[in-house]
Amino acid sequence: MQTLTLRDRVKLQRFTRGLGPEAGPVQLDRSRIFILPTATGLLFAGVLLIMLFGSITYNNSMGHLFTFLAGSMALVSILHTYRNLAQLRFTSGKAPPVFAGERAGFEILATNPGALPRLGIQLQPRGESPVSIDLAARQTVGVILQRSAARRGVMQLGHCTVSTRYPLGLFRAWAYLELQAECLVYPRPGPERPLPR
C-alpha cells in the first residue's frame, strides 16, 4: 500500500477516480473509503428535522424521545456502513482469453479477514451492471466481472467501484479499485467458407 502525502489526499481525482492501477492485493482502509448520505438518507434527515421542530413547538417529550432515538440510529448506521467495507481485500484472479466482440470475464477474489459477515457488497466495473456478494466471516469469494471486448489485444479491467448501503440504506460507502487484471482478446474469426476445388 502506498503512503499518501497531504497534497495527494486533497486532490479531486482521488475522490472521483481513486489512486490508479495497483498490483497485488488491495486492502480497503480509512483513506480509501468514502461515505455520503443517499437520497433516502437526505429525506430521512428532513423528516427528522420536521419532527424536531414539531416536538419543540408543541413541547412534546415523546416526540423529542422518538426524534433523538431515530437520529441516533441513523448516526450509528454510518459506522456500520463504513465497517461493512473496512479491511476487505481484493486480488485479481484469472481471466480466460476471448474473441473480439464477446464478453471478457475477470475474476476478482474478495476476502473478508474479519470475524463479522459483510453483507450487500457491490462490485461494478465502469459502464457495466453491478455484481452483489455477501461474505461470511474469514471467507474468500471469487467474483466474475464482465466487460465487452470490442477490440483485439490485451484488455484491462480498468476502474471498478466497491460499494455498500448496508444496513439501513441511509448512507452509501464506496471505494475505487483499479487492479492490474488483464485479458487476452483474440481477433474475431471470420465466417466459414467452403474450400476451393
N, C-alpha and C. Protein backbone atom coordinates (compact mmCIF):
# COMPACT_ATOMS: atom_id res chain seq x y z
N MET A 1 0.84 -1.19 0.00
CA MET A 1 0.00 0.00 0.00
C MET A 1 0.88 1.24 0.00
N GLN A 2 0.50 2.22 -0.79
CA GLN A 2 1.31 3.42 -0.89
C GLN A 2 0.87 4.45 0.15
N THR A 3 1.83 5.22 0.64
CA THR A 3 1.55 6.27 1.60
C THR A 3 1.18 7.55 0.86
N LEU A 4 0.11 8.19 1.30
CA LEU A 4 -0.36 9.40 0.62
C LEU A 4 0.17 10.64 1.32
N THR A 5 0.65 11.58 0.53
CA THR A 5 1.06 12.87 1.09
C THR A 5 -0.19 13.73 1.26
N LEU A 6 -0.04 14.86 1.93
CA LEU A 6 -1.18 15.75 2.14
C LEU A 6 -1.72 16.28 0.82
N ARG A 7 -0.85 16.57 -0.11
CA ARG A 7 -1.27 17.05 -1.42
C ARG A 7 -2.08 15.98 -2.16
N ASP A 8 -1.65 14.72 -2.05
CA ASP A 8 -2.39 13.63 -2.71
C ASP A 8 -3.75 13.40 -2.06
N ARG A 9 -3.85 13.61 -0.76
CA ARG A 9 -5.12 13.36 -0.06
C ARG A 9 -6.23 14.32 -0.47
N VAL A 10 -5.89 15.55 -0.84
CA VAL A 10 -6.92 16.55 -1.14
C VAL A 10 -7.17 16.72 -2.64
N LYS A 11 -6.53 15.93 -3.49
CA LYS A 11 -6.77 16.02 -4.92
C LYS A 11 -8.18 15.53 -5.25
N LEU A 12 -8.84 16.24 -6.15
CA LEU A 12 -10.20 15.87 -6.55
C LEU A 12 -10.21 14.54 -7.29
N GLN A 13 -9.14 14.22 -7.98
CA GLN A 13 -9.05 12.97 -8.73
C GLN A 13 -9.20 11.76 -7.81
N ARG A 14 -8.68 11.85 -6.59
CA ARG A 14 -8.76 10.74 -5.64
C ARG A 14 -10.21 10.45 -5.27
N PHE A 15 -11.06 11.47 -5.21
CA PHE A 15 -12.44 11.29 -4.83
C PHE A 15 -13.31 10.80 -6.00
N THR A 16 -12.85 11.01 -7.22
CA THR A 16 -13.66 10.64 -8.37
C THR A 16 -13.14 9.41 -9.11
N ARG A 17 -11.83 9.12 -9.03
CA ARG A 17 -11.28 8.01 -9.80
C ARG A 17 -10.39 7.07 -9.01
N GLY A 18 -10.07 7.38 -7.77
CA GLY A 18 -9.21 6.51 -6.98
C GLY A 18 -7.75 6.83 -7.17
N LEU A 19 -6.90 5.85 -6.87
CA LEU A 19 -5.46 6.06 -6.86
C LEU A 19 -4.75 5.58 -8.12
N GLY A 20 -5.46 4.97 -9.05
CA GLY A 20 -4.84 4.47 -10.27
C GLY A 20 -4.56 2.97 -10.18
N PRO A 21 -3.96 2.39 -11.23
CA PRO A 21 -3.71 0.95 -11.26
C PRO A 21 -2.79 0.50 -10.14
N GLU A 22 -3.13 -0.64 -9.54
CA GLU A 22 -2.33 -1.18 -8.44
C GLU A 22 -2.16 -2.68 -8.63
N ALA A 23 -0.97 -3.17 -8.30
CA ALA A 23 -0.70 -4.60 -8.36
C ALA A 23 -0.86 -5.20 -6.98
N GLY A 24 -1.12 -6.49 -6.97
CA GLY A 24 -1.22 -7.19 -5.70
C GLY A 24 -2.53 -6.95 -4.99
N PRO A 25 -2.66 -7.51 -3.79
CA PRO A 25 -3.92 -7.33 -3.06
C PRO A 25 -4.11 -5.88 -2.61
N VAL A 26 -5.33 -5.40 -2.72
CA VAL A 26 -5.69 -4.06 -2.28
C VAL A 26 -6.59 -4.20 -1.07
N GLN A 27 -6.18 -3.59 0.03
CA GLN A 27 -6.98 -3.64 1.26
C GLN A 27 -7.63 -2.28 1.48
N LEU A 28 -8.93 -2.29 1.74
CA LEU A 28 -9.66 -1.05 1.95
C LEU A 28 -9.46 -0.57 3.38
N ASP A 29 -8.93 0.64 3.52
CA ASP A 29 -8.75 1.24 4.84
C ASP A 29 -9.42 2.61 4.84
N ARG A 30 -9.23 3.36 5.90
CA ARG A 30 -9.96 4.63 6.05
C ARG A 30 -9.57 5.68 5.02
N SER A 31 -8.39 5.57 4.43
CA SER A 31 -8.01 6.56 3.43
C SER A 31 -8.62 6.26 2.06
N ARG A 32 -9.21 5.09 1.88
CA ARG A 32 -9.79 4.71 0.59
C ARG A 32 -11.31 4.77 0.57
N ILE A 33 -11.94 4.70 1.74
CA ILE A 33 -13.39 4.58 1.80
C ILE A 33 -14.02 5.95 1.97
N PHE A 34 -15.01 6.24 1.12
CA PHE A 34 -15.77 7.49 1.19
C PHE A 34 -17.20 7.15 1.55
N ILE A 35 -17.89 8.07 2.23
CA ILE A 35 -19.27 7.81 2.63
C ILE A 35 -20.07 9.10 2.56
N LEU A 36 -21.26 9.01 1.97
CA LEU A 36 -22.18 10.14 1.85
C LEU A 36 -23.60 9.63 2.02
N PRO A 37 -24.53 10.50 2.42
CA PRO A 37 -25.92 10.05 2.52
C PRO A 37 -26.54 9.81 1.15
N THR A 38 -27.44 8.86 1.10
CA THR A 38 -28.19 8.58 -0.12
C THR A 38 -29.38 9.55 -0.18
N ALA A 39 -30.16 9.45 -1.25
CA ALA A 39 -31.38 10.27 -1.34
C ALA A 39 -32.35 9.91 -0.22
N THR A 40 -32.42 8.64 0.12
CA THR A 40 -33.26 8.21 1.24
C THR A 40 -32.74 8.79 2.55
N GLY A 41 -31.43 8.84 2.71
CA GLY A 41 -30.84 9.42 3.92
C GLY A 41 -31.13 10.90 4.06
N LEU A 42 -31.09 11.63 2.94
CA LEU A 42 -31.41 13.06 2.99
C LEU A 42 -32.89 13.27 3.31
N LEU A 43 -33.75 12.44 2.75
CA LEU A 43 -35.17 12.52 3.07
C LEU A 43 -35.42 12.22 4.54
N PHE A 44 -34.72 11.21 5.05
CA PHE A 44 -34.83 10.86 6.47
C PHE A 44 -34.38 12.02 7.36
N ALA A 45 -33.29 12.70 6.98
CA ALA A 45 -32.82 13.85 7.75
C ALA A 45 -33.85 14.97 7.74
N GLY A 46 -34.50 15.19 6.59
CA GLY A 46 -35.55 16.20 6.51
C GLY A 46 -36.74 15.87 7.41
N VAL A 47 -37.13 14.60 7.42
CA VAL A 47 -38.23 14.17 8.29
C VAL A 47 -37.85 14.35 9.76
N LEU A 48 -36.61 14.02 10.10
CA LEU A 48 -36.16 14.22 11.50
C LEU A 48 -36.20 15.69 11.88
N LEU A 49 -35.81 16.56 10.97
CA LEU A 49 -35.84 18.00 11.24
C LEU A 49 -37.27 18.49 11.46
N ILE A 50 -38.20 18.03 10.64
CA ILE A 50 -39.60 18.40 10.82
C ILE A 50 -40.14 17.88 12.15
N MET A 51 -39.75 16.63 12.48
CA MET A 51 -40.20 16.06 13.76
C MET A 51 -39.63 16.85 14.94
N LEU A 52 -38.38 17.30 14.82
CA LEU A 52 -37.77 18.08 15.90
C LEU A 52 -38.48 19.42 16.06
N PHE A 53 -38.77 20.10 14.96
CA PHE A 53 -39.50 21.38 15.05
C PHE A 53 -40.89 21.18 15.65
N GLY A 54 -41.56 20.11 15.24
CA GLY A 54 -42.88 19.83 15.80
C GLY A 54 -42.82 19.53 17.29
N SER A 55 -41.79 18.80 17.71
CA SER A 55 -41.64 18.47 19.14
C SER A 55 -41.34 19.71 19.96
N ILE A 56 -40.51 20.62 19.40
CA ILE A 56 -40.19 21.85 20.12
C ILE A 56 -41.42 22.76 20.18
N THR A 57 -42.15 22.85 19.06
CA THR A 57 -43.31 23.74 19.01
C THR A 57 -44.39 23.32 20.00
N TYR A 58 -44.68 22.02 20.04
CA TYR A 58 -45.76 21.54 20.90
C TYR A 58 -45.26 21.03 22.25
N ASN A 59 -43.97 21.17 22.50
CA ASN A 59 -43.37 20.74 23.77
C ASN A 59 -43.76 19.31 24.10
N ASN A 60 -43.55 18.42 23.13
CA ASN A 60 -43.94 17.03 23.24
C ASN A 60 -42.70 16.20 23.58
N SER A 61 -42.64 15.69 24.80
CA SER A 61 -41.46 14.95 25.23
C SER A 61 -41.33 13.61 24.51
N MET A 62 -42.45 12.94 24.19
CA MET A 62 -42.37 11.69 23.43
C MET A 62 -41.87 11.94 22.01
N GLY A 63 -42.24 13.08 21.43
CA GLY A 63 -41.72 13.45 20.12
C GLY A 63 -40.22 13.67 20.14
N HIS A 64 -39.74 14.34 21.22
CA HIS A 64 -38.29 14.51 21.39
C HIS A 64 -37.60 13.16 21.50
N LEU A 65 -38.18 12.27 22.30
CA LEU A 65 -37.58 10.95 22.51
C LEU A 65 -37.48 10.19 21.19
N PHE A 66 -38.57 10.16 20.45
CA PHE A 66 -38.56 9.41 19.19
C PHE A 66 -37.62 10.05 18.16
N THR A 67 -37.58 11.38 18.09
CA THR A 67 -36.71 12.07 17.15
C THR A 67 -35.24 11.77 17.43
N PHE A 68 -34.85 11.88 18.71
CA PHE A 68 -33.45 11.63 19.04
C PHE A 68 -33.08 10.16 18.95
N LEU A 69 -34.05 9.27 19.21
CA LEU A 69 -33.78 7.84 19.04
C LEU A 69 -33.55 7.50 17.57
N ALA A 70 -34.42 8.01 16.68
CA ALA A 70 -34.25 7.76 15.25
C ALA A 70 -32.98 8.41 14.72
N GLY A 71 -32.66 9.61 15.20
CA GLY A 71 -31.42 10.28 14.78
C GLY A 71 -30.19 9.53 15.22
N SER A 72 -30.21 9.00 16.45
CA SER A 72 -29.04 8.25 16.93
C SER A 72 -28.88 6.94 16.16
N MET A 73 -29.99 6.31 15.77
CA MET A 73 -29.89 5.10 14.95
C MET A 73 -29.25 5.42 13.59
N ALA A 74 -29.62 6.57 13.03
CA ALA A 74 -29.02 6.96 11.75
C ALA A 74 -27.53 7.22 11.90
N LEU A 75 -27.13 7.86 12.98
CA LEU A 75 -25.70 8.13 13.19
C LEU A 75 -24.91 6.83 13.41
N VAL A 76 -25.50 5.89 14.11
CA VAL A 76 -24.82 4.60 14.32
C VAL A 76 -24.72 3.83 13.00
N SER A 77 -25.71 4.03 12.12
CA SER A 77 -25.65 3.31 10.83
C SER A 77 -24.49 3.80 9.97
N ILE A 78 -24.00 5.03 10.20
CA ILE A 78 -22.81 5.50 9.48
C ILE A 78 -21.62 4.58 9.78
N LEU A 79 -21.44 4.26 11.06
CA LEU A 79 -20.34 3.39 11.46
C LEU A 79 -20.50 2.00 10.87
N HIS A 80 -21.71 1.46 10.88
CA HIS A 80 -21.92 0.12 10.35
C HIS A 80 -21.73 0.07 8.83
N THR A 81 -22.13 1.13 8.14
CA THR A 81 -21.93 1.17 6.69
C THR A 81 -20.45 1.22 6.36
N TYR A 82 -19.71 2.05 7.09
CA TYR A 82 -18.25 2.13 6.88
C TYR A 82 -17.59 0.79 7.21
N ARG A 83 -17.99 0.21 8.33
CA ARG A 83 -17.35 -1.03 8.78
C ARG A 83 -17.63 -2.20 7.84
N ASN A 84 -18.70 -2.11 7.08
CA ASN A 84 -19.03 -3.18 6.14
C ASN A 84 -17.98 -3.29 5.02
N LEU A 85 -17.29 -2.19 4.71
CA LEU A 85 -16.24 -2.21 3.69
C LEU A 85 -14.83 -2.27 4.26
N ALA A 86 -14.67 -1.80 5.49
CA ALA A 86 -13.32 -1.66 6.06
C ALA A 86 -12.60 -2.99 6.14
N GLN A 87 -11.33 -2.99 5.75
CA GLN A 87 -10.39 -4.11 5.81
C GLN A 87 -10.67 -5.23 4.82
N LEU A 88 -11.60 -5.04 3.89
CA LEU A 88 -11.79 -6.05 2.84
C LEU A 88 -10.58 -6.03 1.92
N ARG A 89 -10.20 -7.21 1.39
CA ARG A 89 -9.05 -7.33 0.50
C ARG A 89 -9.52 -7.83 -0.87
N PHE A 90 -8.97 -7.23 -1.92
CA PHE A 90 -9.33 -7.62 -3.28
C PHE A 90 -8.08 -7.95 -4.06
N THR A 91 -8.12 -9.08 -4.77
CA THR A 91 -6.99 -9.55 -5.57
C THR A 91 -7.52 -9.95 -6.95
N SER A 92 -6.74 -9.70 -7.97
CA SER A 92 -7.16 -10.12 -9.31
C SER A 92 -6.82 -11.59 -9.51
N GLY A 93 -7.74 -12.30 -10.17
CA GLY A 93 -7.56 -13.72 -10.45
C GLY A 93 -7.31 -13.93 -11.94
N LYS A 94 -7.84 -15.05 -12.45
CA LYS A 94 -7.63 -15.40 -13.85
C LYS A 94 -8.66 -14.73 -14.74
N ALA A 95 -8.28 -14.53 -15.98
CA ALA A 95 -9.19 -14.02 -16.99
C ALA A 95 -8.95 -14.81 -18.26
N PRO A 96 -9.83 -15.76 -18.60
CA PRO A 96 -9.61 -16.58 -19.80
C PRO A 96 -9.71 -15.73 -21.07
N PRO A 97 -8.95 -16.08 -22.09
CA PRO A 97 -8.98 -15.30 -23.33
C PRO A 97 -10.32 -15.43 -24.05
N VAL A 98 -10.69 -14.40 -24.78
CA VAL A 98 -11.95 -14.38 -25.53
C VAL A 98 -11.68 -13.83 -26.93
N PHE A 99 -12.69 -13.92 -27.79
CA PHE A 99 -12.60 -13.34 -29.12
C PHE A 99 -13.20 -11.94 -29.09
N ALA A 100 -12.76 -11.09 -30.00
CA ALA A 100 -13.28 -9.73 -30.08
C ALA A 100 -14.79 -9.77 -30.34
N GLY A 101 -15.52 -8.93 -29.64
CA GLY A 101 -16.97 -8.90 -29.75
C GLY A 101 -17.67 -9.70 -28.66
N GLU A 102 -16.92 -10.54 -27.93
CA GLU A 102 -17.50 -11.31 -26.83
C GLU A 102 -17.34 -10.54 -25.52
N ARG A 103 -17.83 -11.13 -24.44
CA ARG A 103 -17.70 -10.51 -23.12
C ARG A 103 -16.55 -11.17 -22.37
N ALA A 104 -15.62 -10.35 -21.90
CA ALA A 104 -14.47 -10.86 -21.14
C ALA A 104 -14.85 -10.95 -19.67
N GLY A 105 -14.46 -12.04 -19.03
CA GLY A 105 -14.75 -12.24 -17.60
C GLY A 105 -13.47 -12.15 -16.79
N PHE A 106 -13.43 -11.19 -15.86
CA PHE A 106 -12.28 -11.00 -14.98
C PHE A 106 -12.64 -11.53 -13.59
N GLU A 107 -11.82 -12.43 -13.08
CA GLU A 107 -12.08 -12.96 -11.73
C GLU A 107 -11.43 -12.05 -10.69
N ILE A 108 -12.23 -11.64 -9.70
CA ILE A 108 -11.74 -10.85 -8.58
C ILE A 108 -12.00 -11.65 -7.31
N LEU A 109 -10.96 -11.82 -6.50
CA LEU A 109 -11.10 -12.54 -5.23
C LEU A 109 -11.30 -11.52 -4.11
N ALA A 110 -12.45 -11.61 -3.45
CA ALA A 110 -12.78 -10.73 -2.32
C ALA A 110 -12.61 -11.53 -1.04
N THR A 111 -11.82 -10.98 -0.11
CA THR A 111 -11.53 -11.66 1.15
C THR A 111 -11.99 -10.83 2.33
N ASN A 112 -12.70 -11.48 3.24
CA ASN A 112 -13.12 -10.85 4.49
C ASN A 112 -12.26 -11.42 5.61
N PRO A 113 -11.25 -10.68 6.10
CA PRO A 113 -10.39 -11.22 7.16
C PRO A 113 -11.00 -11.10 8.56
N GLY A 114 -12.10 -10.38 8.69
CA GLY A 114 -12.68 -10.10 9.99
C GLY A 114 -13.59 -11.22 10.49
N ALA A 115 -14.06 -11.04 11.73
CA ALA A 115 -14.93 -12.02 12.38
C ALA A 115 -16.41 -11.73 12.15
N LEU A 116 -16.73 -10.64 11.45
CA LEU A 116 -18.13 -10.28 11.18
C LEU A 116 -18.44 -10.48 9.70
N PRO A 117 -19.65 -10.93 9.38
CA PRO A 117 -20.02 -11.05 7.95
C PRO A 117 -20.17 -9.69 7.31
N ARG A 118 -19.93 -9.62 6.01
CA ARG A 118 -20.09 -8.40 5.23
C ARG A 118 -21.21 -8.65 4.23
N LEU A 119 -22.28 -7.90 4.34
CA LEU A 119 -23.47 -8.13 3.54
C LEU A 119 -23.71 -6.98 2.57
N GLY A 120 -24.29 -7.30 1.43
CA GLY A 120 -24.68 -6.27 0.48
C GLY A 120 -23.54 -5.53 -0.17
N ILE A 121 -22.43 -6.20 -0.47
CA ILE A 121 -21.29 -5.58 -1.15
C ILE A 121 -21.54 -5.64 -2.65
N GLN A 122 -21.32 -4.52 -3.34
CA GLN A 122 -21.49 -4.48 -4.79
C GLN A 122 -20.18 -4.09 -5.45
N LEU A 123 -19.81 -4.83 -6.49
CA LEU A 123 -18.66 -4.51 -7.33
C LEU A 123 -19.19 -4.13 -8.70
N GLN A 124 -18.73 -3.00 -9.23
CA GLN A 124 -19.24 -2.51 -10.50
C GLN A 124 -18.12 -1.95 -11.36
N PRO A 125 -17.80 -2.63 -12.48
CA PRO A 125 -16.87 -2.03 -13.42
C PRO A 125 -17.53 -0.83 -14.10
N ARG A 126 -16.73 0.09 -14.59
CA ARG A 126 -17.27 1.30 -15.22
C ARG A 126 -18.09 0.92 -16.46
N GLY A 127 -19.33 1.44 -16.49
CA GLY A 127 -20.20 1.21 -17.62
C GLY A 127 -20.90 -0.14 -17.64
N GLU A 128 -20.78 -0.93 -16.60
CA GLU A 128 -21.41 -2.24 -16.54
C GLU A 128 -22.35 -2.32 -15.35
N SER A 129 -23.13 -3.38 -15.29
CA SER A 129 -24.06 -3.54 -14.17
C SER A 129 -23.31 -4.11 -12.96
N PRO A 130 -23.77 -3.78 -11.72
CA PRO A 130 -23.06 -4.24 -10.52
C PRO A 130 -23.32 -5.72 -10.23
N VAL A 131 -22.36 -6.32 -9.51
CA VAL A 131 -22.47 -7.70 -9.05
C VAL A 131 -22.48 -7.66 -7.53
N SER A 132 -23.49 -8.27 -6.91
CA SER A 132 -23.64 -8.25 -5.45
C SER A 132 -23.09 -9.53 -4.85
N ILE A 133 -22.41 -9.39 -3.70
CA ILE A 133 -21.89 -10.55 -2.97
C ILE A 133 -22.11 -10.34 -1.48
N ASP A 134 -22.15 -11.44 -0.76
CA ASP A 134 -22.15 -11.46 0.69
C ASP A 134 -20.96 -12.30 1.14
N LEU A 135 -20.21 -11.80 2.10
CA LEU A 135 -19.03 -12.50 2.59
C LEU A 135 -19.24 -12.92 4.04
N ALA A 136 -19.08 -14.19 4.31
CA ALA A 136 -19.13 -14.66 5.69
C ALA A 136 -17.81 -14.32 6.37
N ALA A 137 -17.74 -14.55 7.67
CA ALA A 137 -16.51 -14.25 8.41
C ALA A 137 -15.37 -15.12 7.91
N ARG A 138 -14.23 -14.49 7.69
CA ARG A 138 -13.00 -15.15 7.23
C ARG A 138 -13.25 -16.02 6.00
N GLN A 139 -13.84 -15.43 4.99
CA GLN A 139 -14.18 -16.14 3.77
C GLN A 139 -13.62 -15.40 2.57
N THR A 140 -13.25 -16.16 1.55
CA THR A 140 -12.82 -15.60 0.27
C THR A 140 -13.78 -16.05 -0.80
N VAL A 141 -14.27 -15.11 -1.59
CA VAL A 141 -15.24 -15.40 -2.64
C VAL A 141 -14.69 -14.88 -3.96
N GLY A 142 -14.81 -15.69 -5.00
CA GLY A 142 -14.42 -15.28 -6.34
C GLY A 142 -15.61 -14.69 -7.08
N VAL A 143 -15.42 -13.52 -7.67
CA VAL A 143 -16.49 -12.82 -8.39
C VAL A 143 -16.01 -12.62 -9.82
N ILE A 144 -16.91 -12.85 -10.78
CA ILE A 144 -16.58 -12.63 -12.19
C ILE A 144 -17.20 -11.31 -12.62
N LEU A 145 -16.34 -10.36 -12.98
CA LEU A 145 -16.80 -9.07 -13.52
C LEU A 145 -16.63 -9.11 -15.03
N GLN A 146 -17.70 -8.78 -15.75
CA GLN A 146 -17.67 -8.89 -17.21
C GLN A 146 -17.63 -7.51 -17.86
N ARG A 147 -16.88 -7.45 -18.95
CA ARG A 147 -16.81 -6.24 -19.78
C ARG A 147 -16.82 -6.65 -21.24
N SER A 148 -17.30 -5.76 -22.08
CA SER A 148 -17.33 -6.04 -23.52
C SER A 148 -15.94 -5.89 -24.10
N ALA A 149 -15.52 -6.89 -24.84
CA ALA A 149 -14.21 -6.86 -25.50
C ALA A 149 -14.42 -6.44 -26.95
N ALA A 150 -14.29 -5.16 -27.21
CA ALA A 150 -14.57 -4.64 -28.55
C ALA A 150 -13.41 -4.85 -29.51
N ARG A 151 -12.17 -4.70 -29.02
CA ARG A 151 -11.01 -4.77 -29.91
C ARG A 151 -10.06 -5.87 -29.45
N ARG A 152 -9.29 -6.37 -30.38
CA ARG A 152 -8.32 -7.41 -30.05
C ARG A 152 -7.12 -6.79 -29.32
N GLY A 153 -6.36 -7.62 -28.66
CA GLY A 153 -5.20 -7.17 -27.91
C GLY A 153 -5.35 -7.51 -26.43
N VAL A 154 -4.56 -6.84 -25.63
CA VAL A 154 -4.63 -7.04 -24.18
C VAL A 154 -5.62 -6.03 -23.61
N MET A 155 -6.61 -6.53 -22.91
CA MET A 155 -7.67 -5.68 -22.34
C MET A 155 -7.51 -5.62 -20.83
N GLN A 156 -7.59 -4.42 -20.29
CA GLN A 156 -7.51 -4.20 -18.84
C GLN A 156 -8.91 -4.16 -18.25
N LEU A 157 -9.04 -4.61 -17.01
CA LEU A 157 -10.33 -4.49 -16.33
C LEU A 157 -10.68 -3.03 -16.11
N GLY A 158 -9.70 -2.23 -15.73
CA GLY A 158 -9.92 -0.80 -15.54
C GLY A 158 -10.55 -0.47 -14.20
N HIS A 159 -11.21 0.65 -14.20
CA HIS A 159 -11.77 1.24 -12.99
C HIS A 159 -12.97 0.43 -12.50
N CYS A 160 -13.02 0.18 -11.20
CA CYS A 160 -14.09 -0.61 -10.60
C CYS A 160 -14.47 0.04 -9.27
N THR A 161 -15.77 0.04 -8.94
CA THR A 161 -16.25 0.64 -7.70
C THR A 161 -16.79 -0.45 -6.78
N VAL A 162 -16.36 -0.41 -5.52
CA VAL A 162 -16.90 -1.31 -4.49
C VAL A 162 -17.76 -0.45 -3.58
N SER A 163 -19.01 -0.84 -3.38
CA SER A 163 -19.91 0.00 -2.58
C SER A 163 -20.84 -0.85 -1.73
N THR A 164 -21.46 -0.19 -0.74
CA THR A 164 -22.46 -0.83 0.10
C THR A 164 -23.41 0.22 0.65
N ARG A 165 -24.65 -0.18 0.91
CA ARG A 165 -25.65 0.66 1.57
C ARG A 165 -26.15 -0.02 2.84
N TYR A 166 -25.50 -1.07 3.23
CA TYR A 166 -25.89 -1.81 4.43
C TYR A 166 -25.65 -0.95 5.66
N PRO A 167 -26.45 -0.95 6.71
CA PRO A 167 -27.62 -1.79 6.97
C PRO A 167 -28.95 -1.13 6.64
N LEU A 168 -29.07 0.19 6.68
CA LEU A 168 -30.37 0.84 6.56
C LEU A 168 -30.60 1.50 5.21
N GLY A 169 -29.58 1.64 4.39
CA GLY A 169 -29.72 2.31 3.11
C GLY A 169 -29.71 3.82 3.21
N LEU A 170 -29.40 4.37 4.38
CA LEU A 170 -29.37 5.82 4.54
C LEU A 170 -28.06 6.42 4.06
N PHE A 171 -27.00 5.62 4.06
CA PHE A 171 -25.67 6.09 3.65
C PHE A 171 -25.08 5.11 2.65
N ARG A 172 -24.26 5.63 1.75
CA ARG A 172 -23.55 4.80 0.77
C ARG A 172 -22.06 4.98 0.99
N ALA A 173 -21.38 3.88 1.27
CA ALA A 173 -19.92 3.88 1.38
C ALA A 173 -19.37 3.26 0.11
N TRP A 174 -18.28 3.84 -0.42
CA TRP A 174 -17.70 3.30 -1.64
C TRP A 174 -16.20 3.49 -1.61
N ALA A 175 -15.54 2.69 -2.44
CA ALA A 175 -14.10 2.79 -2.64
C ALA A 175 -13.82 2.44 -4.10
N TYR A 176 -12.73 2.98 -4.63
CA TYR A 176 -12.36 2.72 -6.01
C TYR A 176 -11.23 1.70 -6.06
N LEU A 177 -11.34 0.79 -7.02
CA LEU A 177 -10.29 -0.20 -7.27
C LEU A 177 -9.86 -0.10 -8.72
N GLU A 178 -8.61 -0.30 -8.95
CA GLU A 178 -8.10 -0.44 -10.31
C GLU A 178 -6.99 -1.47 -10.26
N LEU A 179 -7.41 -2.73 -10.23
CA LEU A 179 -6.46 -3.84 -10.16
C LEU A 179 -5.85 -4.08 -11.53
N GLN A 180 -4.64 -4.60 -11.54
CA GLN A 180 -3.97 -4.89 -12.81
C GLN A 180 -4.42 -6.27 -13.30
N ALA A 181 -5.67 -6.34 -13.73
CA ALA A 181 -6.23 -7.57 -14.28
C ALA A 181 -6.28 -7.43 -15.79
N GLU A 182 -5.77 -8.44 -16.49
CA GLU A 182 -5.68 -8.39 -17.95
C GLU A 182 -6.35 -9.61 -18.58
N CYS A 183 -6.88 -9.39 -19.76
CA CYS A 183 -7.49 -10.48 -20.53
C CYS A 183 -6.99 -10.36 -21.97
N LEU A 184 -6.64 -11.49 -22.56
CA LEU A 184 -6.17 -11.50 -23.95
C LEU A 184 -7.38 -11.65 -24.87
N VAL A 185 -7.53 -10.71 -25.80
CA VAL A 185 -8.65 -10.72 -26.74
C VAL A 185 -8.11 -11.07 -28.12
N TYR A 186 -8.55 -12.24 -28.64
CA TYR A 186 -8.12 -12.69 -29.96
C TYR A 186 -8.93 -12.01 -31.04
N PRO A 187 -8.40 -11.93 -32.28
CA PRO A 187 -9.20 -11.38 -33.38
C PRO A 187 -10.44 -12.24 -33.62
N ARG A 188 -11.51 -11.59 -34.02
CA ARG A 188 -12.76 -12.32 -34.27
C ARG A 188 -12.58 -13.23 -35.49
N PRO A 189 -12.94 -14.52 -35.37
CA PRO A 189 -12.79 -15.40 -36.54
C PRO A 189 -13.77 -15.01 -37.64
N GLY A 190 -13.33 -15.17 -38.86
CA GLY A 190 -14.18 -14.85 -40.00
C GLY A 190 -15.24 -15.92 -40.22
N PRO A 191 -16.17 -15.65 -41.12
CA PRO A 191 -17.20 -16.66 -41.40
C PRO A 191 -16.61 -17.88 -42.09
N GLU A 192 -17.28 -19.01 -41.91
CA GLU A 192 -16.81 -20.24 -42.54
C GLU A 192 -17.06 -20.17 -44.05
N ARG A 193 -16.06 -20.56 -44.81
CA ARG A 193 -16.18 -20.58 -46.28
C ARG A 193 -15.80 -21.95 -46.79
N PRO A 194 -16.42 -22.36 -47.86
CA PRO A 194 -16.04 -23.67 -48.42
C PRO A 194 -14.65 -23.61 -49.02
N LEU A 195 -13.97 -24.71 -48.95
CA LEU A 195 -12.62 -24.80 -49.54
C LEU A 195 -12.71 -24.74 -51.06
N PRO A 196 -11.76 -24.09 -51.71
CA PRO A 196 -11.79 -24.07 -53.19
C PRO A 196 -11.51 -25.46 -53.75
N ARG A 197 -12.02 -25.74 -54.91
CA ARG A 197 -11.81 -27.07 -55.55
C ARG A 197 -10.37 -27.26 -55.94
